[in-house]
Structures are given as structure tokens and as C-alpha cells.
């Protein structure tokens, strides 16, 4: 396990930037704060409930050669748009939380493509979107410890099984479980099914610790939801690690998961 700041040179080469590093860091932080200041003032609240053992949804990063679409999948794909550069031209019908993601990415100068689609609920639907984006959307798991005092957002390949014991051992904590939907809304301003690294822009008190499976760090591109499960975006992994994370003042911990044990 490695705890890394987004500037770590052990993951990917430093991007070629023209401005001095100190100026860049201050600039992106100021722009991120400006966008975050426009967010809704109140946090969602609700009872935490008891933490239950995770039942994981189907999702996946699957090689293109393995994409198999049945009739239902093809029907779903008929309602999916082609990937388009940048934010939607018409914001009508978009939530404020989704539009804030585009505002921040644009302010940071991050290039991305977007695809709109119905709510995804099956493996086939997720794979169809992966095909359009050219990379799979990873699992985004909102976790907490037994006492519900420590919270984590884990990013891992969709086809890899999640074993709580394996990750708990690496973190040196009691057995992990899913955090409640109420707590996810309170800390990240997203709902179950739309968890995403983009939601860290809403975690202004750094209550949620970001964990990234080391396999994802080997990919050149990164795909996720923009805080809503009816759109997906893709950007370079480098921009996500070195531009977005510093802007929202989060670091990450690289973990090595085998899906065994």
C-alpha cells in the first residue's frame, strides 16, 4: 500500500505545463474553491442506519474483445448518445451537482468527452457505454469502518471481486462495509449508483479518504460519472490524478487488490 499525493512521480510522468508549478497549484486551487463556493449550502442529512455487508453491483472494465451484447443491450444502446467533447450545449434537465462538475473541469482546463445514457443497471448496459468511451467505468465503492467513523471511496476494476478482508488488512482497520446512502449524500452529495471520484469536490472537509486500485493507475484514460448516473465522462488518468485531485485538495492511497482471500 502506498499513500501518495497527486504530485507523486511514481505513478505517471509529470505533465508538460508552461506555468511554474507554484502558480499552477495556486491557480487550480483558487478555481476549484470558486466552483465549490457556488454549491448548495446545506448538506443532506438522514439517519446513518447500520452498516451492512456489501452486495456489489455489476460493472466492469472489460477488454473490447469480450463485449457481448444481447437484444436488450442493443435496445439500451439505441438510446445512448455518441461521445461528445465537453459539457452539454443545453443544460436543461441537468442537476446542479452535474453542472458543477463540468464547471470545475472547464475551469481547470481538463479535456474530456461525455456520453449521455439511461440509468445503468446491468453489466451489458455498462459494457455498451464502455465501448463508446473506449475504457471501462470502474467500480466506485463508498465504504466505512465498523464504527462508521472513517469513510473511504474505493476505485477498482469492475471485473475484480471485492473482498473486504483483503482491503481491511491493507488499511489496518476493522472489517469494512458499505456506508449508508444517507452518509454518502451528506459527505459527497451523490446517491447510491452515482458514486464517483468527481464527488470529492463536495467533500470540503476531507472526510472521505480516496483509495485507488493500482491496476487503474496503469491505464492512460479514466472514466466516471459526473455525479449523476445518466452521463459518463472520460479524461486522461494524468489529468484526474495531477490536476483534478490537487484542485479539490485530496490525495489518494494506492492499494493492491487481488480479489482473493
C-alpha atoms as a PDB file:
ATOM      1  CA  UNK A   1       0.000   0.000   0.000  1.00  0.00           C
ATOM      2  CA  UNK A   2       1.310   3.437  -0.905  1.00  0.00           C
ATOM      3  CA  UNK A   3      -0.030   6.780   0.287  1.00  0.00           C
ATOM      4  CA  UNK A   4       0.561   9.278  -2.467  1.00  0.00           C
ATOM      5  CA  UNK A   5      -0.096  12.889  -3.167  1.00  0.00           C
ATOM      6  CA  UNK A   6      -1.296  13.610  -6.712  1.00  0.00           C
ATOM      7  CA  UNK A   7       2.135  15.076  -7.483  1.00  0.00           C
ATOM      8  CA  UNK A   8       3.900  11.736  -6.893  1.00  0.00           C
ATOM      9  CA  UNK A   9       6.232  10.886  -9.789  1.00  0.00           C
ATOM     10  CA  UNK A  10       5.974   7.160  -9.081  1.00  0.00           C
ATOM     11  CA  UNK A  11       2.683   6.830 -10.930  1.00  0.00           C
ATOM     12  CA  UNK A  12       2.961   8.679 -14.231  1.00  0.00           C
ATOM     13  CA  UNK A  13       5.361  11.232 -15.711  1.00  0.00           C
ATOM     14  CA  UNK A  14       4.891  14.876 -14.776  1.00  0.00           C
ATOM     15  CA  UNK A  15       2.734  16.599 -17.416  1.00  0.00           C
ATOM     16  CA  UNK A  16       4.229  19.233 -19.625  1.00  0.00           C
ATOM     17  CA  UNK A  17       2.955  22.557 -18.289  1.00  0.00           C
ATOM     18  CA  UNK A  18       4.140  26.021 -19.232  1.00  0.00           C
ATOM     19  CA  UNK A  19       3.344  27.823 -15.977  1.00  0.00           C
ATOM     20  CA  UNK A  20       5.548  27.431 -12.886  1.00  0.00           C
ATOM     21  CA  UNK A  21       4.406  24.683 -10.517  1.00  0.00           C
ATOM     22  CA  UNK A  22       3.632  27.077  -7.669  1.00  0.00           C
ATOM     23  CA  UNK A  23       1.481  29.256  -9.923  1.00  0.00           C
ATOM     24  CA  UNK A  24      -0.377  26.222 -11.289  1.00  0.00           C
ATOM     25  CA  UNK A  25      -1.144  24.824  -7.841  1.00  0.00           C
ATOM     26  CA  UNK A  26      -2.480  28.113  -6.536  1.00  0.00           C
ATOM     27  CA  UNK A  27      -4.453  28.720  -9.723  1.00  0.00           C
ATOM     28  CA  UNK A  28      -6.276  25.394  -9.801  1.00  0.00           C
ATOM     29  CA  UNK A  29      -6.977  25.537  -6.075  1.00  0.00           C
ATOM     30  CA  UNK A  30      -8.473  29.022  -6.380  1.00  0.00           C
ATOM     31  CA  UNK A  31     -10.643  27.989  -9.320  1.00  0.00           C
ATOM     32  CA  UNK A  32     -11.786  24.846  -7.529  1.00  0.00           C
ATOM     33  CA  UNK A  33     -12.725  26.865  -4.463  1.00  0.00           C
ATOM     34  CA  UNK A  34     -14.655  29.299  -6.653  1.00  0.00           C
ATOM     35  CA  UNK A  35     -16.689  26.498  -8.201  1.00  0.00           C
ATOM     36  CA  UNK A  36     -17.249  24.810  -4.833  1.00  0.00           C
ATOM     37  CA  UNK A  37     -18.460  28.090  -3.341  1.00  0.00           C
ATOM     38  CA  UNK A  38     -21.327  28.022  -5.825  1.00  0.00           C
ATOM     39  CA  UNK A  39     -22.513  24.658  -4.498  1.00  0.00           C
ATOM     40  CA  UNK A  40     -25.699  24.414  -2.444  1.00  0.00           C
ATOM     41  CA  UNK A  41     -25.040  25.422   1.146  1.00  0.00           C
ATOM     42  CA  UNK A  42     -26.690  22.617   3.130  1.00  0.00           C
ATOM     43  CA  UNK A  43     -25.602  19.008   3.444  1.00  0.00           C
ATOM     44  CA  UNK A  44     -28.150  16.261   3.001  1.00  0.00           C
ATOM     45  CA  UNK A  45     -28.952  14.622   6.314  1.00  0.00           C
ATOM     46  CA  UNK A  46     -30.516  11.420   7.479  1.00  0.00           C
ATOM     47  CA  UNK A  47     -30.071   8.515   9.831  1.00  0.00           C
ATOM     48  CA  UNK A  48     -26.947   6.518   9.245  1.00  0.00           C
ATOM     49  CA  UNK A  49     -28.534   3.135   9.782  1.00  0.00           C
ATOM     50  CA  UNK A  50     -26.458   0.064  10.451  1.00  0.00           C
ATOM     51  CA  UNK A  51     -23.640  -0.804   8.083  1.00  0.00           C
ATOM     52  CA  UNK A  52     -24.363  -3.991   6.144  1.00  0.00           C
ATOM     53  CA  UNK A  53     -22.065  -6.405   4.419  1.00  0.00           C
ATOM     54  CA  UNK A  54     -21.554  -5.218   0.818  1.00  0.00           C
ATOM     55  CA  UNK A  55     -23.573  -6.668  -2.021  1.00  0.00           C
ATOM     56  CA  UNK A  56     -21.715  -5.432  -5.053  1.00  0.00           C
ATOM     57  CA  UNK A  57     -23.372  -4.225  -8.253  1.00  0.00           C
ATOM     58  CA  UNK A  58     -22.283  -5.465 -11.642  1.00  0.00           C
ATOM     59  CA  UNK A  59     -19.980  -3.180 -13.588  1.00  0.00           C
ATOM     60  CA  UNK A  60     -16.785  -3.690 -15.429  1.00  0.00           C
ATOM     61  CA  UNK A  61     -13.644  -2.802 -17.218  1.00  0.00           C
ATOM     62  CA  UNK A  62     -13.706  -5.480 -19.872  1.00  0.00           C
ATOM     63  CA  UNK A  63     -11.472  -5.834 -22.936  1.00  0.00           C
ATOM     64  CA  UNK A  64     -13.285  -4.872 -26.114  1.00  0.00           C
ATOM     65  CA  UNK A  65     -12.922  -8.418 -27.433  1.00  0.00           C
ATOM     66  CA  UNK A  66     -15.160  -9.612 -24.588  1.00  0.00           C
ATOM     67  CA  UNK A  67     -18.051  -7.242 -25.261  1.00  0.00           C
ATOM     68  CA  UNK A  68     -21.124  -9.361 -25.962  1.00  0.00           C
ATOM     69  CA  UNK A  69     -24.425  -7.535 -26.410  1.00  0.00           C
ATOM     70  CA  UNK A  70     -27.782  -9.288 -26.392  1.00  0.00           C
ATOM     71  CA  UNK A  71     -31.012  -7.827 -27.740  1.00  0.00           C
ATOM     72  CA  UNK A  72     -31.735  -5.967 -24.506  1.00  0.00           C
ATOM     73  CA  UNK A  73     -28.287  -4.402 -24.581  1.00  0.00           C
ATOM     74  CA  UNK A  74     -28.672  -3.328 -28.197  1.00  0.00           C
ATOM     75  CA  UNK A  75     -32.031  -1.777 -27.318  1.00  0.00           C
ATOM     76  CA  UNK A  76     -30.398   0.107 -24.466  1.00  0.00           C
ATOM     77  CA  UNK A  77     -27.577   1.263 -26.735  1.00  0.00           C
ATOM     78  CA  UNK A  78     -30.120   2.690 -29.150  1.00  0.00           C
ATOM     79  CA  UNK A  79     -30.886   5.369 -26.559  1.00  0.00           C
ATOM     80  CA  UNK A  80     -27.247   6.188 -25.803  1.00  0.00           C
ATOM     81  CA  UNK A  81     -25.669   9.214 -27.446  1.00  0.00           C
ATOM     82  CA  UNK A  82     -22.279   9.228 -29.099  1.00  0.00           C
ATOM     83  CA  UNK A  83     -19.413  10.618 -27.069  1.00  0.00           C
ATOM     84  CA  UNK A  84     -19.212  14.393 -27.417  1.00  0.00           C
ATOM     85  CA  UNK A  85     -16.435  16.755 -26.348  1.00  0.00           C
ATOM     86  CA  UNK A  86     -17.056  18.790 -23.230  1.00  0.00           C
ATOM     87  CA  UNK A  87     -20.183  19.871 -21.416  1.00  0.00           C
ATOM     88  CA  UNK A  88     -23.710  19.619 -22.868  1.00  0.00           C
ATOM     89  CA  UNK A  89     -24.738  22.576 -25.005  1.00  0.00           C
ATOM     90  CA  UNK A  90     -28.154  22.668 -23.328  1.00  0.00           C
ATOM     91  CA  UNK A  91     -28.126  22.421 -19.514  1.00  0.00           C
ATOM     92  CA  UNK A  92     -31.887  21.879 -19.343  1.00  0.00           C
ATOM     93  CA  UNK A  93     -32.775  18.865 -17.242  1.00  0.00           C
ATOM     94  CA  UNK A  94     -29.302  18.608 -15.703  1.00  0.00           C
ATOM     95  CA  UNK A  95     -28.855  18.687 -11.941  1.00  0.00           C
ATOM     96  CA  UNK A  96     -26.817  21.355 -10.243  1.00  0.00           C
ATOM     97  CA  UNK A  97     -24.381  18.716  -8.963  1.00  0.00           C
ATOM     98  CA  UNK A  98     -23.694  17.529 -12.521  1.00  0.00           C
ATOM     99  CA  UNK A  99     -23.259  21.040 -13.892  1.00  0.00           C
ATOM    100  CA  UNK A 100     -20.807  21.861 -11.098  1.00  0.00           C
ATOM    101  CA  UNK A 101     -18.594  19.008 -12.304  1.00  0.00           C
ATOM    102  CA  UNK A 102     -18.450  20.482 -15.814  1.00  0.00           C
ATOM    103  CA  UNK A 103     -17.829  23.949 -14.374  1.00  0.00           C
ATOM    104  CA  UNK A 104     -14.826  22.675 -12.424  1.00  0.00           C
ATOM    105  CA  UNK A 105     -13.344  20.595 -15.246  1.00  0.00           C
ATOM    106  CA  UNK A 106     -13.662  23.546 -17.626  1.00  0.00           C
ATOM    107  CA  UNK A 107     -12.124  25.935 -15.084  1.00  0.00           C
ATOM    108  CA  UNK A 108      -9.182  23.570 -14.676  1.00  0.00           C
ATOM    109  CA  UNK A 109      -8.686  23.220 -18.435  1.00  0.00           C
ATOM    110  CA  UNK A 110      -9.225  19.440 -18.339  1.00  0.00           C
ATOM    111  CA  UNK A 111     -10.203  17.961 -21.696  1.00  0.00           C
ATOM    112  CA  UNK A 112     -12.963  15.335 -21.513  1.00  0.00           C
ATOM    113  CA  UNK A 113     -15.632  13.625 -23.562  1.00  0.00           C
ATOM    114  CA  UNK A 114     -19.165  12.922 -22.404  1.00  0.00           C
ATOM    115  CA  UNK A 115     -21.833  10.380 -23.255  1.00  0.00           C
ATOM    116  CA  UNK A 116     -25.456  10.574 -22.071  1.00  0.00           C
ATOM    117  CA  UNK A 117     -27.410   7.399 -21.398  1.00  0.00           C
ATOM    118  CA  UNK A 118     -30.291   5.974 -19.365  1.00  0.00           C
ATOM    119  CA  UNK A 119     -29.689   4.871 -15.796  1.00  0.00           C
ATOM    120  CA  UNK A 120     -27.369   1.841 -15.949  1.00  0.00           C
ATOM    121  CA  UNK A 121     -28.430  -1.260 -14.057  1.00  0.00           C
ATOM    122  CA  UNK A 122     -26.874  -4.256 -15.848  1.00  0.00           C
ATOM    123  CA  UNK A 123     -23.456  -5.484 -16.912  1.00  0.00           C
ATOM    124  CA  UNK A 124     -24.447  -5.314 -20.579  1.00  0.00           C
ATOM    125  CA  UNK A 125     -25.510  -1.686 -20.283  1.00  0.00           C
ATOM    126  CA  UNK A 126     -22.253  -0.713 -18.601  1.00  0.00           C
ATOM    127  CA  UNK A 127     -20.221  -2.524 -21.246  1.00  0.00           C
ATOM    128  CA  UNK A 128     -22.028  -0.718 -24.025  1.00  0.00           C
ATOM    129  CA  UNK A 129     -21.056   2.648 -22.545  1.00  0.00           C
ATOM    130  CA  UNK A 130     -17.508   1.387 -22.035  1.00  0.00           C
ATOM    131  CA  UNK A 131     -17.355   0.635 -25.766  1.00  0.00           C
ATOM    132  CA  UNK A 132     -18.256   4.214 -26.651  1.00  0.00           C
ATOM    133  CA  UNK A 133     -15.839   5.724 -24.129  1.00  0.00           C
ATOM    134  CA  UNK A 134     -13.015   3.366 -25.044  1.00  0.00           C
ATOM    135  CA  UNK A 135     -12.371   2.460 -21.403  1.00  0.00           C
ATOM    136  CA  UNK A 136     -14.419   0.869 -18.643  1.00  0.00           C
ATOM    137  CA  UNK A 137     -16.046   2.760 -15.818  1.00  0.00           C
ATOM    138  CA  UNK A 138     -14.536   1.390 -12.623  1.00  0.00           C
ATOM    139  CA  UNK A 139     -16.346   0.283  -9.502  1.00  0.00           C
ATOM    140  CA  UNK A 140     -16.807   3.188  -7.105  1.00  0.00           C
ATOM    141  CA  UNK A 141     -17.442   1.832  -3.621  1.00  0.00           C
ATOM    142  CA  UNK A 142     -18.364   4.031  -0.657  1.00  0.00           C
ATOM    143  CA  UNK A 143     -17.098   2.223   2.432  1.00  0.00           C
ATOM    144  CA  UNK A 144     -16.803   2.755   6.157  1.00  0.00           C
ATOM    145  CA  UNK A 145     -15.293   1.041   9.178  1.00  0.00           C
ATOM    146  CA  UNK A 146     -17.365  -0.865  11.720  1.00  0.00           C
ATOM    147  CA  UNK A 147     -17.733   2.205  13.941  1.00  0.00           C
ATOM    148  CA  UNK A 148     -18.828   4.369  10.974  1.00  0.00           C
ATOM    149  CA  UNK A 149     -16.214   6.973  11.877  1.00  0.00           C
ATOM    150  CA  UNK A 150     -13.875   6.551   8.887  1.00  0.00           C
ATOM    151  CA  UNK A 151     -15.112   6.737   5.303  1.00  0.00           C
ATOM    152  CA  UNK A 152     -13.491   5.670   2.047  1.00  0.00           C
ATOM    153  CA  UNK A 153     -14.127   5.898  -1.690  1.00  0.00           C
ATOM    154  CA  UNK A 154     -12.543   2.890  -3.392  1.00  0.00           C
ATOM    155  CA  UNK A 155     -11.924   2.866  -7.152  1.00  0.00           C
ATOM    156  CA  UNK A 156     -11.191  -0.575  -8.591  1.00  0.00           C
ATOM    157  CA  UNK A 157     -11.585  -2.505 -11.867  1.00  0.00           C
ATOM    158  CA  UNK A 158     -15.163  -3.553 -12.373  1.00  0.00           C
ATOM    159  CA  UNK A 159     -14.431  -7.188 -13.144  1.00  0.00           C
ATOM    160  CA  UNK A 160     -12.362  -7.722  -9.990  1.00  0.00           C
ATOM    161  CA  UNK A 161     -14.200  -9.143  -6.955  1.00  0.00           C
ATOM    162  CA  UNK A 162     -14.099  -7.032  -3.820  1.00  0.00           C
ATOM    163  CA  UNK A 163     -13.025  -8.821  -0.646  1.00  0.00           C
ATOM    164  CA  UNK A 164     -13.490  -6.750   2.491  1.00  0.00           C
ATOM    165  CA  UNK A 165     -10.930  -8.770   4.443  1.00  0.00           C
ATOM    166  CA  UNK A 166      -8.220  -8.098   1.859  1.00  0.00           C
ATOM    167  CA  UNK A 167      -8.665  -4.331   1.912  1.00  0.00           C
ATOM    168  CA  UNK A 168      -9.209  -4.139   5.672  1.00  0.00           C
ATOM    169  CA  UNK A 169      -5.882  -5.897   6.188  1.00  0.00           C
ATOM    170  CA  UNK A 170      -4.058  -3.382   3.988  1.00  0.00           C
ATOM    171  CA  UNK A 171      -5.639  -0.437   5.780  1.00  0.00           C
ATOM    172  CA  UNK A 172      -5.073  -1.936   9.208  1.00  0.00           C
ATOM    173  CA  UNK A 173      -8.672  -1.401  10.280  1.00  0.00           C
ATOM    174  CA  UNK A 174     -11.674  -3.451  11.319  1.00  0.00           C
ATOM    175  CA  UNK A 175     -13.767  -5.135   8.672  1.00  0.00           C
ATOM    176  CA  UNK A 176     -15.172  -2.666   6.138  1.00  0.00           C
ATOM    177  CA  UNK A 177     -18.731  -2.458   4.861  1.00  0.00           C
ATOM    178  CA  UNK A 178     -20.783  -0.174   2.641  1.00  0.00           C
ATOM    179  CA  UNK A 179     -21.503   3.268   4.034  1.00  0.00           C
ATOM    180  CA  UNK A 180     -25.164   4.234   4.116  1.00  0.00           C
ATOM    181  CA  UNK A 181     -26.807   6.144   1.299  1.00  0.00           C
ATOM    182  CA  UNK A 182     -27.622   8.909   3.759  1.00  0.00           C
ATOM    183  CA  UNK A 183     -23.976   9.285   4.714  1.00  0.00           C
ATOM    184  CA  UNK A 184     -22.928   9.236   1.067  1.00  0.00           C
ATOM    185  CA  UNK A 185     -25.328  12.093   0.346  1.00  0.00           C
ATOM    186  CA  UNK A 186     -24.130  14.010   3.382  1.00  0.00           C
ATOM    187  CA  UNK A 187     -20.409  13.728   2.623  1.00  0.00           C
ATOM    188  CA  UNK A 188     -20.299  13.545  -1.186  1.00  0.00           C
ATOM    189  CA  UNK A 189     -23.654  14.941  -2.351  1.00  0.00           C
ATOM    190  CA  UNK A 190     -24.325  11.890  -4.543  1.00  0.00           C
ATOM    191  CA  UNK A 191     -26.678   8.944  -4.262  1.00  0.00           C
ATOM    192  CA  UNK A 192     -26.014   5.178  -4.474  1.00  0.00           C
ATOM    193  CA  UNK A 193     -25.263   4.226  -8.063  1.00  0.00           C
ATOM    194  CA  UNK A 194     -23.657   7.593  -8.836  1.00  0.00           C
ATOM    195  CA  UNK A 195     -20.606   7.431  -6.550  1.00  0.00           C
ATOM    196  CA  UNK A 196     -17.614   8.901  -8.358  1.00  0.00           C
ATOM    197  CA  UNK A 197     -14.237  10.483  -7.763  1.00  0.00           C
ATOM    198  CA  UNK A 198     -15.772  13.725  -9.077  1.00  0.00           C
ATOM    199  CA  UNK A 199     -17.866  13.880  -5.887  1.00  0.00           C
ATOM    200  CA  UNK A 200     -14.721  14.618  -3.872  1.00  0.00           C
ATOM    201  CA  UNK A 201     -15.201  18.225  -4.952  1.00  0.00           C
ATOM    202  CA  UNK A 202     -18.121  18.229  -2.489  1.00  0.00           C
ATOM    203  CA  UNK A 203     -16.047  16.778   0.375  1.00  0.00           C
ATOM    204  CA  UNK A 204     -14.666  20.083   1.543  1.00  0.00           C
ATOM    205  CA  UNK A 205     -13.717  18.803   4.994  1.00  0.00           C
ATOM    206  CA  UNK A 206     -11.767  15.831   3.595  1.00  0.00           C
ATOM    207  CA  UNK A 207     -13.867  13.310   5.489  1.00  0.00           C
ATOM    208  CA  UNK A 208     -13.582  10.716   2.712  1.00  0.00           C
ATOM    209  CA  UNK A 209     -10.268   9.009   2.010  1.00  0.00           C
ATOM    210  CA  UNK A 210      -9.643   8.069  -1.623  1.00  0.00           C
ATOM    211  CA  UNK A 211      -8.316   4.572  -2.365  1.00  0.00           C
ATOM    212  CA  UNK A 212      -7.291   3.569  -5.898  1.00  0.00           C
ATOM    213  CA  UNK A 213      -6.527   0.025  -7.029  1.00  0.00           C
ATOM    214  CA  UNK A 214      -3.032   0.051  -8.532  1.00  0.00           C
ATOM    215  CA  UNK A 215      -4.326  -1.626 -11.705  1.00  0.00           C
ATOM    216  CA  UNK A 216      -6.293   1.535 -12.566  1.00  0.00           C
ATOM    217  CA  UNK A 217      -3.135   3.626 -12.312  1.00  0.00           C
ATOM    218  CA  UNK A 218      -1.692   1.723 -15.283  1.00  0.00           C
ATOM    219  CA  UNK A 219      -4.447   2.944 -17.632  1.00  0.00           C
ATOM    220  CA  UNK A 220      -3.966   6.057 -19.748  1.00  0.00           C
ATOM    221  CA  UNK A 221      -7.638   7.033 -19.589  1.00  0.00           C
ATOM    222  CA  UNK A 222     -10.132   7.217 -16.759  1.00  0.00           C
ATOM    223  CA  UNK A 223     -13.938   7.137 -16.978  1.00  0.00           C
ATOM    224  CA  UNK A 224     -16.516   8.012 -14.350  1.00  0.00           C
ATOM    225  CA  UNK A 225     -19.942   9.542 -13.787  1.00  0.00           C
ATOM    226  CA  UNK A 226     -20.227  13.336 -13.359  1.00  0.00           C
ATOM    227  CA  UNK A 227     -22.137  12.874 -10.068  1.00  0.00           C
ATOM    228  CA  UNK A 228     -25.179  11.555 -11.976  1.00  0.00           C
ATOM    229  CA  UNK A 229     -25.728   8.029 -13.296  1.00  0.00           C
ATOM    230  CA  UNK A 230     -27.237   9.199 -16.579  1.00  0.00           C
ATOM    231  CA  UNK A 231     -23.995  10.526 -18.043  1.00  0.00           C
ATOM    232  CA  UNK A 232     -20.402   9.312 -18.163  1.00  0.00           C
ATOM    233  CA  UNK A 233     -17.188  11.181 -18.929  1.00  0.00           C
ATOM    234  CA  UNK A 234     -13.681  10.143 -19.900  1.00  0.00           C
ATOM    235  CA  UNK A 235     -10.438  12.054 -19.408  1.00  0.00           C
ATOM    236  CA  UNK A 236      -6.761  11.233 -19.109  1.00  0.00           C
ATOM    237  CA  UNK A 237      -5.729   9.466 -15.928  1.00  0.00           C
ATOM    238  CA  UNK A 238      -2.940  12.010 -15.671  1.00  0.00           C
ATOM    239  CA  UNK A 239      -5.400  14.913 -15.536  1.00  0.00           C
ATOM    240  CA  UNK A 240      -7.524  13.161 -12.938  1.00  0.00           C
ATOM    241  CA  UNK A 241      -4.520  12.480 -10.696  1.00  0.00           C
ATOM    242  CA  UNK A 242      -2.415  15.582 -11.224  1.00  0.00           C
ATOM    243  CA  UNK A 243      -4.937  18.318 -11.934  1.00  0.00           C
ATOM    244  CA  UNK A 244      -8.334  17.370 -10.528  1.00  0.00           C
ATOM    245  CA  UNK A 245      -7.243  15.851  -7.194  1.00  0.00           C
ATOM    246  CA  UNK A 246      -4.940  18.734  -6.193  1.00  0.00           C
ATOM    247  CA  UNK A 247      -7.707  21.186  -7.131  1.00  0.00           C
ATOM    248  CA  UNK A 248     -10.142  19.522  -4.726  1.00  0.00           C
ATOM    249  CA  UNK A 249      -7.384  19.115  -2.108  1.00  0.00           C
ATOM    250  CA  UNK A 250      -7.406  15.334  -1.946  1.00  0.00           C
ATOM    251  CA  UNK A 251      -4.576  12.826  -2.130  1.00  0.00           C
ATOM    252  CA  UNK A 252      -5.007   9.102  -2.667  1.00  0.00           C
ATOM    253  CA  UNK A 253      -3.795   5.798  -1.308  1.00  0.00           C
ATOM    254  CA  UNK A 254      -2.776   3.168  -3.868  1.00  0.00           C
ATOM    255  CA  UNK A 255      -3.882  -0.321  -2.834  1.00  0.00           C
ATOM    256  CA  UNK A 256      -3.144  -3.685  -4.421  1.00  0.00           C
ATOM    257  CA  UNK A 257      -6.220  -5.907  -4.611  1.00  0.00           C
ATOM    258  CA  UNK A 258      -6.277  -9.430  -5.984  1.00  0.00           C
ATOM    259  CA  UNK A 259      -9.936 -10.238  -5.394  1.00  0.00           C
ATOM    260  CA  UNK A 260      -8.882 -13.301  -3.415  1.00  0.00           C
ATOM    261  CA  UNK A 261      -8.941 -14.226   0.244  1.00  0.00           C
END
